[in-house]
């Protein structure tokens, strides 16, 4: 799998650290929190959703 530098809405991504480490899915719903951190909702192929910090995610190609 080839890793990319930036992630945008609809990209397939993998969580590389944090609670959801190792999970993959489609990045949606980008939001800037009150504290200035980027949060991303990741939708897995089975339909499950979870939120994670943007710094914990990298875009990958399938």
N, C-alpha and C. Protein backbone atom coordinates (compact mmCIF):
# COMPACT_ATOMS: atom_id res chain seq x y z
N UNK A 1 0.83 -1.17 0.00
CA UNK A 1 0.00 0.00 0.00
C UNK A 1 0.87 1.24 0.00
N UNK A 2 0.51 2.20 -0.80
CA UNK A 2 1.27 3.43 -0.91
C UNK A 2 0.69 4.48 0.03
N UNK A 3 1.52 5.09 0.85
CA UNK A 3 1.06 6.13 1.77
C UNK A 3 1.17 7.49 1.11
N UNK A 4 0.23 8.37 1.43
CA UNK A 4 0.21 9.73 0.90
C UNK A 4 0.39 10.72 2.05
N UNK A 5 0.67 11.98 1.73
CA UNK A 5 0.91 12.99 2.74
C UNK A 5 -0.38 13.61 3.26
N UNK A 6 -1.32 13.97 2.40
CA UNK A 6 -2.52 14.67 2.83
C UNK A 6 -3.73 13.76 2.72
N UNK A 7 -4.75 14.07 3.51
CA UNK A 7 -5.98 13.30 3.49
C UNK A 7 -7.13 14.26 3.21
N UNK A 8 -8.07 13.81 2.40
CA UNK A 8 -9.22 14.64 2.09
C UNK A 8 -10.49 13.81 2.15
N UNK A 9 -11.62 14.45 2.13
CA UNK A 9 -12.91 13.79 2.26
C UNK A 9 -13.07 12.71 1.20
N UNK A 10 -13.44 11.51 1.63
CA UNK A 10 -13.65 10.40 0.72
C UNK A 10 -12.45 9.51 0.50
N UNK A 11 -11.29 9.88 1.05
CA UNK A 11 -10.08 9.06 0.90
C UNK A 11 -10.18 7.81 1.76
N UNK A 12 -9.61 6.72 1.27
CA UNK A 12 -9.48 5.50 2.07
C UNK A 12 -8.29 5.72 2.98
N UNK A 13 -8.44 5.45 4.26
CA UNK A 13 -7.38 5.76 5.21
C UNK A 13 -7.18 4.66 6.22
N UNK A 14 -6.05 4.74 6.93
CA UNK A 14 -5.73 3.80 7.99
C UNK A 14 -5.32 4.60 9.22
N UNK A 15 -5.80 4.16 10.39
CA UNK A 15 -5.43 4.79 11.65
C UNK A 15 -4.10 4.18 12.09
N UNK A 16 -3.10 5.04 12.33
CA UNK A 16 -1.76 4.55 12.63
C UNK A 16 -1.41 4.63 14.11
N UNK A 17 -2.22 5.35 14.91
CA UNK A 17 -1.99 5.38 16.35
C UNK A 17 -3.29 5.77 17.07
N UNK A 18 -3.31 5.57 18.36
CA UNK A 18 -4.49 5.89 19.15
C UNK A 18 -5.36 4.67 19.40
N UNK A 19 -6.55 4.91 19.92
CA UNK A 19 -7.49 3.85 20.31
C UNK A 19 -7.86 2.93 19.16
N UNK A 20 -8.00 3.50 17.96
CA UNK A 20 -8.48 2.73 16.80
C UNK A 20 -7.35 2.28 15.88
N UNK A 21 -6.14 2.20 16.40
CA UNK A 21 -4.95 1.84 15.62
C UNK A 21 -5.20 0.55 14.82
N UNK A 22 -4.84 0.60 13.53
CA UNK A 22 -4.97 -0.57 12.66
C UNK A 22 -6.26 -0.62 11.87
N UNK A 23 -7.25 0.16 12.26
CA UNK A 23 -8.53 0.14 11.54
C UNK A 23 -8.43 0.96 10.27
N UNK A 24 -9.22 0.58 9.27
CA UNK A 24 -9.24 1.30 8.00
C UNK A 24 -10.67 1.66 7.65
N UNK A 25 -10.81 2.62 6.74
CA UNK A 25 -12.13 3.03 6.28
C UNK A 25 -12.04 4.30 5.45
N UNK A 26 -13.20 4.88 5.19
CA UNK A 26 -13.30 6.10 4.37
C UNK A 26 -13.40 7.31 5.29
N UNK A 27 -12.58 8.31 5.05
CA UNK A 27 -12.57 9.51 5.87
C UNK A 27 -13.72 10.44 5.45
N UNK A 28 -14.51 10.85 6.43
CA UNK A 28 -15.61 11.80 6.19
C UNK A 28 -15.69 12.77 7.35
N UNK A 29 -16.51 13.77 7.24
CA UNK A 29 -16.86 14.68 8.32
C UNK A 29 -15.63 15.25 9.03
N UNK A 30 -14.89 16.11 8.36
CA UNK A 30 -13.74 16.78 8.95
C UNK A 30 -14.24 17.94 9.79
N UNK A 31 -13.70 18.10 10.99
CA UNK A 31 -14.15 19.16 11.88
C UNK A 31 -12.97 19.68 12.69
N UNK A 32 -12.93 21.00 12.89
CA UNK A 32 -11.91 21.60 13.73
C UNK A 32 -12.52 21.80 15.11
N UNK A 33 -11.93 21.17 16.13
CA UNK A 33 -12.48 21.26 17.48
C UNK A 33 -12.19 22.64 18.08
N UNK A 34 -12.80 22.91 19.23
CA UNK A 34 -12.60 24.19 19.92
C UNK A 34 -11.14 24.39 20.29
N UNK A 35 -10.44 23.31 20.54
CA UNK A 35 -9.03 23.39 20.94
C UNK A 35 -8.08 23.46 19.74
N UNK A 36 -8.63 23.42 18.53
CA UNK A 36 -7.82 23.57 17.33
C UNK A 36 -7.31 22.27 16.73
N UNK A 37 -7.84 21.14 17.16
CA UNK A 37 -7.42 19.85 16.61
C UNK A 37 -8.41 19.38 15.56
N UNK A 38 -7.90 18.79 14.49
CA UNK A 38 -8.72 18.25 13.43
C UNK A 38 -9.27 16.89 13.85
N UNK A 39 -10.59 16.71 13.76
CA UNK A 39 -11.20 15.40 14.02
C UNK A 39 -11.82 14.89 12.73
N UNK A 40 -11.75 13.59 12.55
CA UNK A 40 -12.25 12.94 11.33
C UNK A 40 -13.14 11.79 11.74
N UNK A 41 -14.28 11.64 11.06
CA UNK A 41 -15.10 10.45 11.22
C UNK A 41 -14.66 9.46 10.16
N UNK A 42 -14.37 8.24 10.58
CA UNK A 42 -13.97 7.17 9.66
C UNK A 42 -15.11 6.16 9.59
N UNK A 43 -15.54 5.85 8.37
CA UNK A 43 -16.59 4.86 8.15
C UNK A 43 -15.94 3.60 7.62
N UNK A 44 -16.05 2.51 8.39
CA UNK A 44 -15.46 1.24 7.97
C UNK A 44 -16.34 0.58 6.91
N UNK A 45 -15.80 -0.41 6.22
CA UNK A 45 -16.53 -1.10 5.15
C UNK A 45 -17.78 -1.81 5.67
N UNK A 46 -17.79 -2.20 6.95
CA UNK A 46 -18.96 -2.88 7.53
C UNK A 46 -20.01 -1.88 8.02
N UNK A 47 -19.77 -0.57 7.85
CA UNK A 47 -20.73 0.45 8.23
C UNK A 47 -20.48 1.09 9.58
N UNK A 48 -19.60 0.52 10.39
CA UNK A 48 -19.28 1.12 11.69
C UNK A 48 -18.57 2.45 11.50
N UNK A 49 -18.85 3.38 12.40
CA UNK A 49 -18.23 4.71 12.37
C UNK A 49 -17.50 4.96 13.67
N UNK A 50 -16.40 5.72 13.58
CA UNK A 50 -15.72 6.18 14.78
C UNK A 50 -15.02 7.48 14.47
N UNK A 51 -14.79 8.27 15.50
CA UNK A 51 -14.09 9.54 15.35
C UNK A 51 -12.67 9.37 15.86
N UNK A 52 -11.75 10.05 15.20
CA UNK A 52 -10.36 10.03 15.62
C UNK A 52 -9.71 11.36 15.25
N UNK A 53 -8.57 11.63 15.81
CA UNK A 53 -7.85 12.85 15.49
C UNK A 53 -7.17 12.73 14.12
N UNK A 54 -7.11 13.84 13.42
CA UNK A 54 -6.51 13.86 12.09
C UNK A 54 -5.05 13.45 12.08
N UNK A 55 -4.34 13.74 13.15
CA UNK A 55 -2.91 13.37 13.20
C UNK A 55 -2.70 11.87 13.32
N UNK A 56 -3.76 11.12 13.65
CA UNK A 56 -3.64 9.67 13.81
C UNK A 56 -3.95 8.90 12.52
N UNK A 57 -4.24 9.61 11.43
CA UNK A 57 -4.72 8.98 10.20
C UNK A 57 -3.82 9.29 9.02
N UNK A 58 -3.59 8.29 8.17
CA UNK A 58 -2.89 8.50 6.91
C UNK A 58 -3.76 7.94 5.77
N UNK A 59 -3.71 8.65 4.65
CA UNK A 59 -4.43 8.18 3.46
C UNK A 59 -3.62 7.07 2.80
N UNK A 60 -4.32 6.03 2.36
CA UNK A 60 -3.67 4.93 1.66
C UNK A 60 -4.45 4.61 0.40
N UNK A 61 -3.81 3.98 -0.54
CA UNK A 61 -4.52 3.53 -1.74
C UNK A 61 -4.85 2.06 -1.58
N UNK A 62 -6.03 1.69 -2.01
CA UNK A 62 -6.48 0.31 -1.87
C UNK A 62 -5.68 -0.62 -2.75
